[in-house]
Amino acid sequence: MNYKKGTDVLPDRLLKEVQEYVEGCLVYIPKKGSKAGWGYLSGTRQLIDKRNNKINHLYEQGESIRILAEQFHLGEDTIRKIVYKKK
């Protein structure tokens, strides 16, 4: 992330307007456009969704929460959150 001095990049009128809200601190200004959700660019979100779908399928087939927790190396509370989540 690059830091820029406000007086170098903002017009005077805009700088004065921003100073009405914040002064003497760092302000993050996000990029334009939509941001990809967590894990979508790296593929992690898809992996977790695939794992959760498998957990749901096994649970619907009668597998116990305790066994699923052991099989997927997750806590029983985490398995409950996955299988009881509204779809």
Protein backbone atom coordinates (compact mmCIF):
# COMPACT_ATOMS: atom_id res chain seq x y z
CA MET A 1 0.00 0.00 0.00
CA ASN A 2 1.35 3.40 -0.93
CA TYR A 3 0.93 6.39 1.32
CA LYS A 4 0.38 9.75 -0.32
CA LYS A 5 0.32 13.18 1.25
CA GLY A 6 -3.18 14.64 1.04
CA THR A 7 -1.92 18.04 -0.06
CA ASP A 8 -0.16 16.37 -3.01
CA VAL A 9 -3.14 14.40 -4.34
CA LEU A 10 -6.34 16.16 -3.29
CA PRO A 11 -7.70 19.49 -4.52
CA ASP A 12 -7.83 22.16 -1.80
CA ARG A 13 -11.64 22.14 -1.55
CA LEU A 14 -11.72 18.34 -1.11
CA LEU A 15 -8.86 18.41 1.40
CA LYS A 16 -10.73 20.98 3.50
CA GLU A 17 -13.89 18.86 3.32
CA VAL A 18 -12.04 15.72 4.47
CA GLN A 19 -10.44 17.71 7.31
CA GLU A 20 -13.94 18.40 8.63
CA TYR A 21 -14.21 14.67 9.40
CA VAL A 22 -10.63 13.56 10.13
CA GLU A 23 -7.41 15.42 10.75
CA GLY A 24 -3.89 14.23 11.40
CA CYS A 25 -4.58 10.50 10.95
CA LEU A 26 -4.33 7.86 8.26
CA VAL A 27 -7.40 7.19 6.14
CA TYR A 28 -7.72 4.17 3.85
CA ILE A 29 -9.48 4.92 0.57
CA PRO A 30 -10.54 1.68 -1.14
CA LYS A 31 -10.13 1.06 -4.85
CA LYS A 32 -13.06 1.62 -7.18
CA GLY A 33 -15.10 -1.34 -8.29
CA SER A 34 -16.36 -4.42 -6.58
CA LYS A 35 -14.13 -6.48 -4.37
CA ALA A 36 -13.99 -10.24 -4.60
CA GLY A 37 -15.24 -11.99 -1.50
CA TRP A 38 -12.95 -13.73 0.95
CA GLY A 39 -11.13 -16.69 -0.59
CA TYR A 40 -12.56 -16.40 -4.10
CA LEU A 41 -9.34 -15.33 -5.80
CA SER A 42 -7.22 -17.97 -4.08
CA GLY A 43 -9.76 -20.77 -4.48
CA THR A 44 -10.06 -21.30 -0.73
CA ARG A 45 -13.77 -20.41 -0.70
CA GLN A 46 -14.51 -23.10 -3.29
CA LEU A 47 -12.55 -25.70 -1.29
CA ILE A 48 -14.45 -24.88 1.90
CA ASP A 49 -17.79 -24.94 0.07
CA LYS A 50 -16.93 -28.36 -1.40
CA ARG A 51 -15.93 -29.66 2.07
CA ASN A 52 -19.12 -28.29 3.64
CA ASN A 53 -21.27 -29.87 0.93
CA LYS A 54 -19.61 -33.22 1.61
CA ILE A 55 -20.21 -32.79 5.36
CA ASN A 56 -23.88 -31.98 4.71
CA HIS A 57 -24.27 -34.98 2.41
CA LEU A 58 -22.71 -37.36 4.93
CA TYR A 59 -24.85 -35.92 7.74
CA GLU A 60 -28.01 -36.39 5.64
CA GLN A 61 -26.91 -40.01 5.09
CA GLY A 62 -26.94 -40.51 8.87
CA GLU A 63 -23.31 -39.88 9.88
CA SER A 64 -23.00 -38.53 13.43
CA ILE A 65 -21.63 -35.11 14.26
CA ARG A 66 -18.90 -36.68 16.40
CA ILE A 67 -17.67 -38.88 13.54
CA LEU A 68 -17.78 -35.97 11.07
CA ALA A 69 -15.76 -33.82 13.47
CA GLU A 70 -13.09 -36.51 13.70
CA GLN A 71 -13.09 -37.23 9.97
CA PHE A 72 -12.73 -33.55 8.94
CA HIS A 73 -10.57 -32.50 11.91
CA LEU A 74 -13.09 -29.89 13.02
CA GLY A 75 -14.82 -29.21 16.32
CA GLU A 76 -18.29 -30.59 16.88
CA ASP A 77 -19.63 -27.04 17.21
CA THR A 78 -18.20 -26.21 13.78
CA ILE A 79 -19.87 -29.28 12.26
CA ARG A 80 -23.18 -28.26 13.86
CA LYS A 81 -22.86 -24.78 12.35
CA ILE A 82 -22.30 -26.32 8.93
CA VAL A 83 -25.15 -28.84 9.03
CA TYR A 84 -27.72 -26.60 10.77
CA LYS A 85 -27.02 -23.55 8.59
CA LYS A 86 -30.08 -22.44 6.65
CA LYS A 87 -29.64 -22.92 2.94
